[in-house]
All heavy atoms as atom14 arrays in JSON, in Angstrom:
{
  "sequence": "GYGGPCPPPGDGPHRYIFTVHALKVDHVDVPSGATAAVVGYTLHAN",
  "atom14_mask": [
    [1, 1, 1, 1, 0, 0, 0, 0, 0, 0, 0, 0, 0, 0],
    [1, 1, 1, 1, 1, 1, 1, 1, 1, 1, 1, 1, 0, 0],
    [1, 1, 1, 1, 0, 0, 0, 0, 0, 0, 0, 0, 0, 0],
    [1, 1, 1, 1, 0, 0, 0, 0, 0, 0, 0, 0, 0, 0],
    [1, 1, 1, 1, 1, 1, 1, 0, 0, 0, 0, 0, 0, 0],
    [1, 1, 1, 1, 1, 1, 0, 0, 0, 0, 0, 0, 0, 0],
    [1, 1, 1, 1, 1, 1, 1, 0, 0, 0, 0, 0, 0, 0],
    [1, 1, 1, 1, 1, 1, 1, 0, 0, 0, 0, 0, 0, 0],
    [1, 1, 1, 1, 1, 1, 1, 0, 0, 0, 0, 0, 0, 0],
    [1, 1, 1, 1, 0, 0, 0, 0, 0, 0, 0, 0, 0, 0],
    [1, 1, 1, 1, 1, 1, 1, 1, 0, 0, 0, 0, 0, 0],
    [1, 1, 1, 1, 0, 0, 0, 0, 0, 0, 0, 0, 0, 0],
    [1, 1, 1, 1, 1, 1, 1, 0, 0, 0, 0, 0, 0, 0],
    [1, 1, 1, 1, 1, 1, 1, 1, 1, 1, 0, 0, 0, 0],
    [1, 1, 1, 1, 1, 1, 1, 1, 1, 1, 1, 0, 0, 0],
    [1, 1, 1, 1, 1, 1, 1, 1, 1, 1, 1, 1, 0, 0],
    [1, 1, 1, 1, 1, 1, 1, 1, 0, 0, 0, 0, 0, 0],
    [1, 1, 1, 1, 1, 1, 1, 1, 1, 1, 1, 0, 0, 0],
    [1, 1, 1, 1, 1, 1, 1, 0, 0, 0, 0, 0, 0, 0],
    [1, 1, 1, 1, 1, 1, 1, 0, 0, 0, 0, 0, 0, 0],
    [1, 1, 1, 1, 1, 1, 1, 1, 1, 1, 0, 0, 0, 0],
    [1, 1, 1, 1, 1, 0, 0, 0, 0, 0, 0, 0, 0, 0],
    [1, 1, 1, 1, 1, 1, 1, 1, 0, 0, 0, 0, 0, 0],
    [1, 1, 1, 1, 1, 1, 1, 1, 1, 0, 0, 0, 0, 0],
    [1, 1, 1, 1, 1, 1, 1, 0, 0, 0, 0, 0, 0, 0],
    [1, 1, 1, 1, 1, 1, 1, 1, 0, 0, 0, 0, 0, 0],
    [1, 1, 1, 1, 1, 1, 1, 1, 1, 1, 0, 0, 0, 0],
    [1, 1, 1, 1, 1, 1, 1, 0, 0, 0, 0, 0, 0, 0],
    [1, 1, 1, 1, 1, 1, 1, 1, 0, 0, 0, 0, 0, 0],
    [1, 1, 1, 1, 1, 1, 1, 0, 0, 0, 0, 0, 0, 0],
    [1, 1, 1, 1, 1, 1, 1, 0, 0, 0, 0, 0, 0, 0],
    [1, 1, 1, 1, 1, 1, 0, 0, 0, 0, 0, 0, 0, 0],
    [1, 1, 1, 1, 0, 0, 0, 0, 0, 0, 0, 0, 0, 0],
    [1, 1, 1, 1, 1, 0, 0, 0, 0, 0, 0, 0, 0, 0],
    [1, 1, 1, 1, 1, 1, 1, 0, 0, 0, 0, 0, 0, 0],
    [1, 1, 1, 1, 1, 0, 0, 0, 0, 0, 0, 0, 0, 0],
    [1, 1, 1, 1, 1, 0, 0, 0, 0, 0, 0, 0, 0, 0],
    [1, 1, 1, 1, 1, 1, 1, 0, 0, 0, 0, 0, 0, 0],
    [1, 1, 1, 1, 1, 1, 1, 0, 0, 0, 0, 0, 0, 0],
    [1, 1, 1, 1, 0, 0, 0, 0, 0, 0, 0, 0, 0, 0],
    [1, 1, 1, 1, 1, 1, 1, 1, 1, 1, 1, 1, 0, 0],
    [1, 1, 1, 1, 1, 1, 1, 0, 0, 0, 0, 0, 0, 0],
    [1, 1, 1, 1, 1, 1, 1, 1, 0, 0, 0, 0, 0, 0],
    [1, 1, 1, 1, 1, 1, 1, 1, 1, 1, 0, 0, 0, 0],
    [1, 1, 1, 1, 1, 0, 0, 0, 0, 0, 0, 0, 0, 0],
    [1, 1, 1, 1, 1, 1, 1, 1, 0, 0, 0, 0, 0, 0]
  ],
  "atom14_positions": [
    [[0.82, -1.22, 0.02], [-0.02, 0.03, -0.02], [0.84, 1.29, -0.01], [2.08, 1.21, 0.11], [0.0, 0.0, 0.0], [0.0, 0.0, 0.0], [0.0, 0.0, 0.0], [0.0, 0.0, 0.0], [0.0, 0.0, 0.0], [0.0, 0.0, 0.0], [0.0, 0.0, 0.0], [0.0, 0.0, 0.0], [0.0, 0.0, 0.0], [0.0, 0.0, 0.0]],
    [[0.14, 2.44, -0.11], [0.84, 3.68, -0.1], [1.39, 3.99, 1.22], [0.76, 3.88, 2.33], [-0.19, 4.75, -0.51], [0.28, 6.18, -0.4], [1.03, 6.8, -1.4], [0.06, 6.9, 0.72], [1.47, 8.1, -1.32], [0.45, 8.25, 0.87], [1.17, 8.84, -0.2], [1.63, 10.08, -0.01], [0.0, 0.0, 0.0], [0.0, 0.0, 0.0]],
    [[2.65, 4.46, 1.2], [3.33, 4.97, 2.44], [3.85, 6.33, 2.11], [4.72, 6.55, 1.19], [0.0, 0.0, 0.0], [0.0, 0.0, 0.0], [0.0, 0.0, 0.0], [0.0, 0.0, 0.0], [0.0, 0.0, 0.0], [0.0, 0.0, 0.0], [0.0, 0.0, 0.0], [0.0, 0.0, 0.0], [0.0, 0.0, 0.0], [0.0, 0.0, 0.0]],
    [[3.35, 7.41, 2.72], [3.66, 8.74, 2.42], [5.05, 9.21, 2.74], [5.82, 8.49, 3.34], [0.0, 0.0, 0.0], [0.0, 0.0, 0.0], [0.0, 0.0, 0.0], [0.0, 0.0, 0.0], [0.0, 0.0, 0.0], [0.0, 0.0, 0.0], [0.0, 0.0, 0.0], [0.0, 0.0, 0.0], [0.0, 0.0, 0.0], [0.0, 0.0, 0.0]],
    [[5.44, 10.43, 2.3], [6.74, 10.91, 2.58], [7.03, 11.15, 4.12], [6.11, 11.52, 4.79], [6.75, 12.25, 1.84], [5.39, 12.69, 1.75], [4.55, 11.42, 1.62], [0.0, 0.0, 0.0], [0.0, 0.0, 0.0], [0.0, 0.0, 0.0], [0.0, 0.0, 0.0], [0.0, 0.0, 0.0], [0.0, 0.0, 0.0], [0.0, 0.0, 0.0]],
    [[8.25, 10.98, 4.47], [8.65, 11.2, 5.82], [10.15, 11.44, 5.85], [10.94, 10.67, 6.41], [8.31, 10.01, 6.74], [8.63, 10.29, 8.53], [0.0, 0.0, 0.0], [0.0, 0.0, 0.0], [0.0, 0.0, 0.0], [0.0, 0.0, 0.0], [0.0, 0.0, 0.0], [0.0, 0.0, 0.0], [0.0, 0.0, 0.0], [0.0, 0.0, 0.0]],
    [[10.62, 12.51, 5.17], [12.06, 12.78, 5.09], [12.6, 13.2, 6.43], [11.85, 13.71, 7.29], [12.11, 13.91, 4.08], [10.83, 14.62, 4.21], [9.84, 13.54, 4.47], [0.0, 0.0, 0.0], [0.0, 0.0, 0.0], [0.0, 0.0, 0.0], [0.0, 0.0, 0.0], [0.0, 0.0, 0.0], [0.0, 0.0, 0.0], [0.0, 0.0, 0.0]],
    [[13.91, 13.01, 6.71], [14.48, 13.43, 7.93], [14.32, 14.93, 8.13], [14.45, 15.69, 7.16], [15.96, 13.06, 7.79], [15.99, 12.01, 6.75], [14.89, 12.28, 5.82], [0.0, 0.0, 0.0], [0.0, 0.0, 0.0], [0.0, 0.0, 0.0], [0.0, 0.0, 0.0], [0.0, 0.0, 0.0], [0.0, 0.0, 0.0], [0.0, 0.0, 0.0]],
    [[13.97, 15.4, 9.33], [13.79, 16.82, 9.6], [15.05, 17.64, 9.17], [16.18, 17.21, 9.52], [13.55, 16.92, 11.05], [13.02, 15.58, 11.46], [13.73, 14.63, 10.6], [0.0, 0.0, 0.0], [0.0, 0.0, 0.0], [0.0, 0.0, 0.0], [0.0, 0.0, 0.0], [0.0, 0.0, 0.0], [0.0, 0.0, 0.0], [0.0, 0.0, 0.0]],
    [[14.88, 18.7, 8.46], [15.98, 19.56, 8.1], [16.81, 19.02, 6.95], [17.85, 19.61, 6.57], [0.0, 0.0, 0.0], [0.0, 0.0, 0.0], [0.0, 0.0, 0.0], [0.0, 0.0, 0.0], [0.0, 0.0, 0.0], [0.0, 0.0, 0.0], [0.0, 0.0, 0.0], [0.0, 0.0, 0.0], [0.0, 0.0, 0.0], [0.0, 0.0, 0.0]],
    [[16.37, 17.92, 6.29], [17.15, 17.34, 5.18], [16.93, 18.05, 3.84], [17.59, 17.67, 2.86], [16.77, 15.85, 5.07], [17.82, 15.03, 4.36], [19.03, 15.3, 4.6], [17.44, 14.15, 3.55], [0.0, 0.0, 0.0], [0.0, 0.0, 0.0], [0.0, 0.0, 0.0], [0.0, 0.0, 0.0], [0.0, 0.0, 0.0], [0.0, 0.0, 0.0]],
    [[16.08, 19.01, 3.89], [15.79, 19.73, 2.62], [14.7, 18.9, 1.84], [14.35, 17.82, 2.22], [0.0, 0.0, 0.0], [0.0, 0.0, 0.0], [0.0, 0.0, 0.0], [0.0, 0.0, 0.0], [0.0, 0.0, 0.0], [0.0, 0.0, 0.0], [0.0, 0.0, 0.0], [0.0, 0.0, 0.0], [0.0, 0.0, 0.0], [0.0, 0.0, 0.0]],
    [[14.1, 19.59, 0.87], [13.02, 18.95, 0.13], [13.43, 17.69, -0.59], [14.46, 17.72, -1.32], [12.57, 19.98, -0.86], [13.04, 21.29, -0.33], [14.29, 20.95, 0.36], [0.0, 0.0, 0.0], [0.0, 0.0, 0.0], [0.0, 0.0, 0.0], [0.0, 0.0, 0.0], [0.0, 0.0, 0.0], [0.0, 0.0, 0.0], [0.0, 0.0, 0.0]],
    [[12.73, 16.54, -0.41], [12.99, 15.35, -1.13], [12.06, 15.35, -2.37], [11.0, 15.96, -2.35], [12.67, 14.11, -0.28], [13.79, 13.78, 0.64], [13.99, 12.51, 1.1], [14.74, 14.54, 1.24], [15.02, 12.46, 1.96], [15.46, 13.7, 2.05], [0.0, 0.0, 0.0], [0.0, 0.0, 0.0], [0.0, 0.0, 0.0], [0.0, 0.0, 0.0]],
    [[12.5, 14.71, -3.41], [11.66, 14.55, -4.61], [10.88, 13.23, -4.58], [11.5, 12.19, -4.26], [12.56, 14.55, -5.87], [13.29, 15.85, -6.11], [14.42, 15.67, -7.11], [15.44, 14.76, -6.61], [16.36, 14.19, -7.33], [16.36, 14.4, -8.69], [17.27, 13.41, -6.86], [0.0, 0.0, 0.0], [0.0, 0.0, 0.0], [0.0, 0.0, 0.0]],
    [[9.59, 13.31, -4.85], [8.77, 12.14, -4.91], [8.23, 12.02, -6.32], [7.44, 12.77, -6.76], [7.64, 12.25, -3.87], [8.21, 12.31, -2.48], [8.58, 13.53, -1.89], [8.52, 11.15, -1.78], [9.21, 13.56, -0.66], [9.11, 11.16, -0.53], [9.48, 12.42, 0.0], [10.07, 12.47, 1.26], [0.0, 0.0, 0.0], [0.0, 0.0, 0.0]],
    [[8.73, 10.99, -7.04], [8.42, 10.81, -8.44], [7.27, 9.91, -8.6], [7.33, 8.68, -8.31], [9.7, 10.27, -9.21], [10.89, 11.2, -8.94], [9.36, 10.17, -10.7], [12.15, 10.65, -9.5], [0.0, 0.0, 0.0], [0.0, 0.0, 0.0], [0.0, 0.0, 0.0], [0.0, 0.0, 0.0], [0.0, 0.0, 0.0], [0.0, 0.0, 0.0]],
    [[6.15, 10.44, -9.02], [4.93, 9.69, -9.28], [4.92, 9.33, -10.74], [5.08, 10.15, -11.64], [3.68, 10.59, -9.09], [3.37, 10.81, -7.55], [4.16, 11.71, -6.86], [2.32, 10.23, -6.96], [3.92, 11.95, -5.49], [2.04, 10.48, -5.61], [2.85, 11.28, -4.88], [0.0, 0.0, 0.0], [0.0, 0.0, 0.0], [0.0, 0.0, 0.0]],
    [[4.75, 8.06, -11.06], [4.84, 7.5, -12.38], [3.74, 6.53, -12.65], [3.42, 5.66, -11.85], [6.2, 6.79, -12.65], [7.27, 7.72, -12.37], [6.32, 6.31, -14.07], [0.0, 0.0, 0.0], [0.0, 0.0, 0.0], [0.0, 0.0, 0.0], [0.0, 0.0, 0.0], [0.0, 0.0, 0.0], [0.0, 0.0, 0.0], [0.0, 0.0, 0.0]],
    [[3.11, 6.67, -13.83], [2.2, 5.66, -14.36], [2.92, 4.92, -15.53], [3.45, 5.59, -16.4], [0.84, 6.24, -14.79], [0.96, 7.27, -15.82], [-0.12, 5.08, -15.2], [0.0, 0.0, 0.0], [0.0, 0.0, 0.0], [0.0, 0.0, 0.0], [0.0, 0.0, 0.0], [0.0, 0.0, 0.0], [0.0, 0.0, 0.0], [0.0, 0.0, 0.0]],
    [[2.88, 3.63, -15.46], [3.53, 2.8, -16.48], [2.49, 2.13, -17.34], [1.57, 1.47, -16.81], [4.38, 1.65, -15.81], [5.32, 2.16, -14.79], [6.74, 2.11, -15.04], [5.16, 2.66, -13.51], [7.35, 2.56, -13.92], [6.38, 2.92, -13.02], [0.0, 0.0, 0.0], [0.0, 0.0, 0.0], [0.0, 0.0, 0.0], [0.0, 0.0, 0.0]],
    [[2.53, 2.34, -18.65], [1.7, 1.69, -19.58], [2.42, 0.32, -19.97], [3.54, 0.39, -20.5], [1.41, 2.52, -20.81], [0.0, 0.0, 0.0], [0.0, 0.0, 0.0], [0.0, 0.0, 0.0], [0.0, 0.0, 0.0], [0.0, 0.0, 0.0], [0.0, 0.0, 0.0], [0.0, 0.0, 0.0], [0.0, 0.0, 0.0], [0.0, 0.0, 0.0]],
    [[1.79, -0.78, -19.69], [2.41, -2.09, -19.85], [1.85, -2.84, -21.07], [0.68, -2.72, -21.42], [2.2, -2.92, -18.57], [2.71, -2.25, -17.3], [2.43, -3.2, -16.13], [4.16, -1.92, -17.35], [0.0, 0.0, 0.0], [0.0, 0.0, 0.0], [0.0, 0.0, 0.0], [0.0, 0.0, 0.0], [0.0, 0.0, 0.0], [0.0, 0.0, 0.0]],
    [[2.67, -3.65, -21.6], [2.28, -4.51, -22.74], [1.75, -5.85, -22.34], [1.47, -6.68, -23.17], [3.48, -4.73, -23.7], [4.69, -5.43, -23.07], [5.86, -5.51, -24.01], [7.06, -6.23, -23.39], [8.16, -6.26, -24.29], [0.0, 0.0, 0.0], [0.0, 0.0, 0.0], [0.0, 0.0, 0.0], [0.0, 0.0, 0.0], [0.0, 0.0, 0.0]],
    [[1.57, -6.07, -21.04], [1.01, -7.29, -20.53], [-0.2, -6.96, -19.61], [-0.24, -5.83, -19.06], [2.05, -8.11, -19.69], [3.14, -8.57, -20.58], [2.61, -7.22, -18.49], [0.0, 0.0, 0.0], [0.0, 0.0, 0.0], [0.0, 0.0, 0.0], [0.0, 0.0, 0.0], [0.0, 0.0, 0.0], [0.0, 0.0, 0.0], [0.0, 0.0, 0.0]],
    [[-1.17, -7.84, -19.59], [-2.39, -7.49, -18.77], [-2.18, -7.94, -17.35], [-3.12, -7.7, -16.46], [-3.6, -8.13, -19.33], [-3.51, -9.6, -19.58], [-2.6, -10.27, -18.99], [-4.38, -10.17, -20.26], [0.0, 0.0, 0.0], [0.0, 0.0, 0.0], [0.0, 0.0, 0.0], [0.0, 0.0, 0.0], [0.0, 0.0, 0.0], [0.0, 0.0, 0.0]],
    [[-1.13, -8.67, -17.01], [-0.92, -9.14, -15.7], [0.6, -9.27, -15.42], [1.35, -9.85, -16.21], [-1.56, -10.56, -15.53], [-1.42, -11.15, -14.19], [-2.25, -10.81, -13.15], [-0.47, -12.09, -13.68], [-1.86, -11.48, -12.08], [-0.86, -12.25, -12.37], [0.0, 0.0, 0.0], [0.0, 0.0, 0.0], [0.0, 0.0, 0.0], [0.0, 0.0, 0.0]],
    [[1.06, -8.71, -14.35], [2.41, -8.77, -13.89], [2.55, -10.02, -13.04], [1.95, -10.1, -11.96], [2.85, -7.49, -13.14], [4.27, -7.63, -12.59], [2.79, -6.23, -14.02], [0.0, 0.0, 0.0], [0.0, 0.0, 0.0], [0.0, 0.0, 0.0], [0.0, 0.0, 0.0], [0.0, 0.0, 0.0], [0.0, 0.0, 0.0], [0.0, 0.0, 0.0]],
    [[3.39, -10.91, -13.52], [3.47, -12.19, -12.85], [4.57, -12.21, -11.78], [5.74, -12.47, -12.03], [3.77, -13.27, -13.91], [3.63, -14.69, -13.3], [3.11, -14.82, -12.19], [4.11, -15.66, -13.94], [0.0, 0.0, 0.0], [0.0, 0.0, 0.0], [0.0, 0.0, 0.0], [0.0, 0.0, 0.0], [0.0, 0.0, 0.0], [0.0, 0.0, 0.0]],
    [[4.14, -11.8, -10.56], [5.09, -11.8, -9.47], [4.41, -12.43, -8.26], [3.18, -12.48, -8.16], [5.56, -10.37, -9.07], [6.4, -9.73, -10.13], [4.28, -9.52, -8.69], [0.0, 0.0, 0.0], [0.0, 0.0, 0.0], [0.0, 0.0, 0.0], [0.0, 0.0, 0.0], [0.0, 0.0, 0.0], [0.0, 0.0, 0.0], [0.0, 0.0, 0.0]],
    [[5.14, -13.0, -7.35], [4.57, -13.65, -6.15], [3.77, -12.65, -5.29], [4.14, -11.45, -5.19], [5.74, -14.27, -5.4], [6.87, -14.32, -6.37], [6.63, -13.14, -7.3], [0.0, 0.0, 0.0], [0.0, 0.0, 0.0], [0.0, 0.0, 0.0], [0.0, 0.0, 0.0], [0.0, 0.0, 0.0], [0.0, 0.0, 0.0], [0.0, 0.0, 0.0]],
    [[2.76, -13.09, -4.58], [2.08, -12.3, -3.66], [3.04, -11.82, -2.54], [3.88, -12.58, -2.11], [0.93, -13.04, -2.98], [0.33, -12.27, -1.99], [0.0, 0.0, 0.0], [0.0, 0.0, 0.0], [0.0, 0.0, 0.0], [0.0, 0.0, 0.0], [0.0, 0.0, 0.0], [0.0, 0.0, 0.0], [0.0, 0.0, 0.0], [0.0, 0.0, 0.0]],
    [[3.03, -10.52, -2.22], [3.92, -10.0, -1.23], [5.32, -9.65, -1.84], [6.23, -9.35, -1.03], [0.0, 0.0, 0.0], [0.0, 0.0, 0.0], [0.0, 0.0, 0.0], [0.0, 0.0, 0.0], [0.0, 0.0, 0.0], [0.0, 0.0, 0.0], [0.0, 0.0, 0.0], [0.0, 0.0, 0.0], [0.0, 0.0, 0.0], [0.0, 0.0, 0.0]],
    [[5.46, -9.62, -3.13], [6.72, -9.28, -3.72], [7.15, -7.89, -3.31], [6.33, -7.01, -3.07], [6.61, -9.38, -5.25], [0.0, 0.0, 0.0], [0.0, 0.0, 0.0], [0.0, 0.0, 0.0], [0.0, 0.0, 0.0], [0.0, 0.0, 0.0], [0.0, 0.0, 0.0], [0.0, 0.0, 0.0], [0.0, 0.0, 0.0], [0.0, 0.0, 0.0]],
    [[8.45, -7.68, -3.21], [8.93, -6.35, -2.89], [8.84, -5.38, -4.03], [8.61, -5.81, -5.25], [10.44, -6.46, -2.47], [11.23, -6.79, -3.64], [10.66, -7.43, -1.3], [0.0, 0.0, 0.0], [0.0, 0.0, 0.0], [0.0, 0.0, 0.0], [0.0, 0.0, 0.0], [0.0, 0.0, 0.0], [0.0, 0.0, 0.0], [0.0, 0.0, 0.0]],
    [[8.98, -4.11, -3.72], [8.85, -3.13, -4.76], [9.94, -3.26, -5.81], [9.7, -3.06, -7.05], [8.95, -1.7, -4.12], [0.0, 0.0, 0.0], [0.0, 0.0, 0.0], [0.0, 0.0, 0.0], [0.0, 0.0, 0.0], [0.0, 0.0, 0.0], [0.0, 0.0, 0.0], [0.0, 0.0, 0.0], [0.0, 0.0, 0.0], [0.0, 0.0, 0.0]],
    [[11.14, -3.66, -5.41], [12.24, -3.83, -6.35], [11.96, -4.98, -7.4], [12.24, -4.85, -8.56], [13.54, -4.03, -5.63], [0.0, 0.0, 0.0], [0.0, 0.0, 0.0], [0.0, 0.0, 0.0], [0.0, 0.0, 0.0], [0.0, 0.0, 0.0], [0.0, 0.0, 0.0], [0.0, 0.0, 0.0], [0.0, 0.0, 0.0], [0.0, 0.0, 0.0]],
    [[11.37, -6.04, -6.89], [11.04, -7.14, -7.77], [9.99, -6.8, -8.78], [10.12, -7.05, -9.94], [10.59, -8.4, -6.89], [9.98, -9.43, -7.83], [11.75, -8.94, -6.17], [0.0, 0.0, 0.0], [0.0, 0.0, 0.0], [0.0, 0.0, 0.0], [0.0, 0.0, 0.0], [0.0, 0.0, 0.0], [0.0, 0.0, 0.0], [0.0, 0.0, 0.0]],
    [[8.94, -6.08, -8.28], [7.87, -5.64, -9.21], [8.46, -4.57, -10.11], [8.13, -4.62, -11.34], [6.7, -5.04, -8.38], [5.61, -4.53, -9.33], [6.08, -6.14, -7.43], [0.0, 0.0, 0.0], [0.0, 0.0, 0.0], [0.0, 0.0, 0.0], [0.0, 0.0, 0.0], [0.0, 0.0, 0.0], [0.0, 0.0, 0.0], [0.0, 0.0, 0.0]],
    [[9.29, -3.69, -9.61], [9.88, -2.7, -10.46], [10.67, -3.3, -11.64], [10.68, -2.81, -12.75], [0.0, 0.0, 0.0], [0.0, 0.0, 0.0], [0.0, 0.0, 0.0], [0.0, 0.0, 0.0], [0.0, 0.0, 0.0], [0.0, 0.0, 0.0], [0.0, 0.0, 0.0], [0.0, 0.0, 0.0], [0.0, 0.0, 0.0], [0.0, 0.0, 0.0]],
    [[11.46, -4.34, -11.34], [12.21, -5.01, -12.34], [11.34, -5.57, -13.44], [11.56, -5.45, -14.67], [12.99, -6.13, -11.68], [13.9, -6.92, -12.65], [15.18, -6.51, -12.91], [13.39, -8.1, -13.25], [15.94, -7.29, -13.72], [14.19, -8.81, -14.15], [15.5, -8.43, -14.38], [16.28, -9.12, -15.19], [0.0, 0.0, 0.0], [0.0, 0.0, 0.0]],
    [[10.21, -6.18, -13.05], [9.28, -6.7, -14.0], [8.57, -5.62, -14.8], [8.34, -5.78, -16.02], [8.19, -7.6, -13.32], [8.88, -8.54, -12.46], [7.33, -8.31, -14.26], [0.0, 0.0, 0.0], [0.0, 0.0, 0.0], [0.0, 0.0, 0.0], [0.0, 0.0, 0.0], [0.0, 0.0, 0.0], [0.0, 0.0, 0.0], [0.0, 0.0, 0.0]],
    [[8.24, -4.5, -14.14], [7.62, -3.37, -14.86], [8.57, -2.86, -15.92], [8.16, -2.59, -17.08], [7.3, -2.26, -13.91], [6.24, -2.53, -12.78], [6.0, -1.29, -12.02], [4.93, -3.06, -13.41], [0.0, 0.0, 0.0], [0.0, 0.0, 0.0], [0.0, 0.0, 0.0], [0.0, 0.0, 0.0], [0.0, 0.0, 0.0], [0.0, 0.0, 0.0]],
    [[9.85, -2.73, -15.6], [10.76, -2.18, -16.52], [10.87, -3.05, -17.78], [10.99, -2.53, -18.93], [12.14, -2.1, -15.88], [13.17, -1.34, -16.63], [14.47, -1.27, -16.3], [13.04, -0.52, -17.71], [15.16, -0.49, -17.14], [14.28, -0.01, -18.06], [0.0, 0.0, 0.0], [0.0, 0.0, 0.0], [0.0, 0.0, 0.0], [0.0, 0.0, 0.0]],
    [[10.74, -4.34, -17.65], [10.79, -5.26, -18.74], [9.58, -5.28, -19.65], [9.62, -5.73, -20.77], [11.07, -6.69, -18.25], [0.0, 0.0, 0.0], [0.0, 0.0, 0.0], [0.0, 0.0, 0.0], [0.0, 0.0, 0.0], [0.0, 0.0, 0.0], [0.0, 0.0, 0.0], [0.0, 0.0, 0.0], [0.0, 0.0, 0.0], [0.0, 0.0, 0.0]],
    [[8.52, -4.7, -19.12], [7.24, -4.74, -19.83], [6.57, -3.35, -20.12], [5.46, -3.3, -20.55], [6.18, -5.54, -19.08], [6.58, -7.07, -19.07], [6.4, -7.75, -20.07], [7.07, -7.53, -17.95], [0.0, 0.0, 0.0], [0.0, 0.0, 0.0], [0.0, 0.0, 0.0], [0.0, 0.0, 0.0], [0.0, 0.0, 0.0], [0.0, 0.0, 0.0]]
  ]
}
């Protein structure tokens, strides 16, 4: 789920990059509970 920004106090503005990916597959085949990096890898490929 969504977890909002929480940068360290005084660290200066952080950038939050919101992206929508248009995919060539109708289903991303990853295990339930997959990490963001695993899903991100699969998104990049599709």
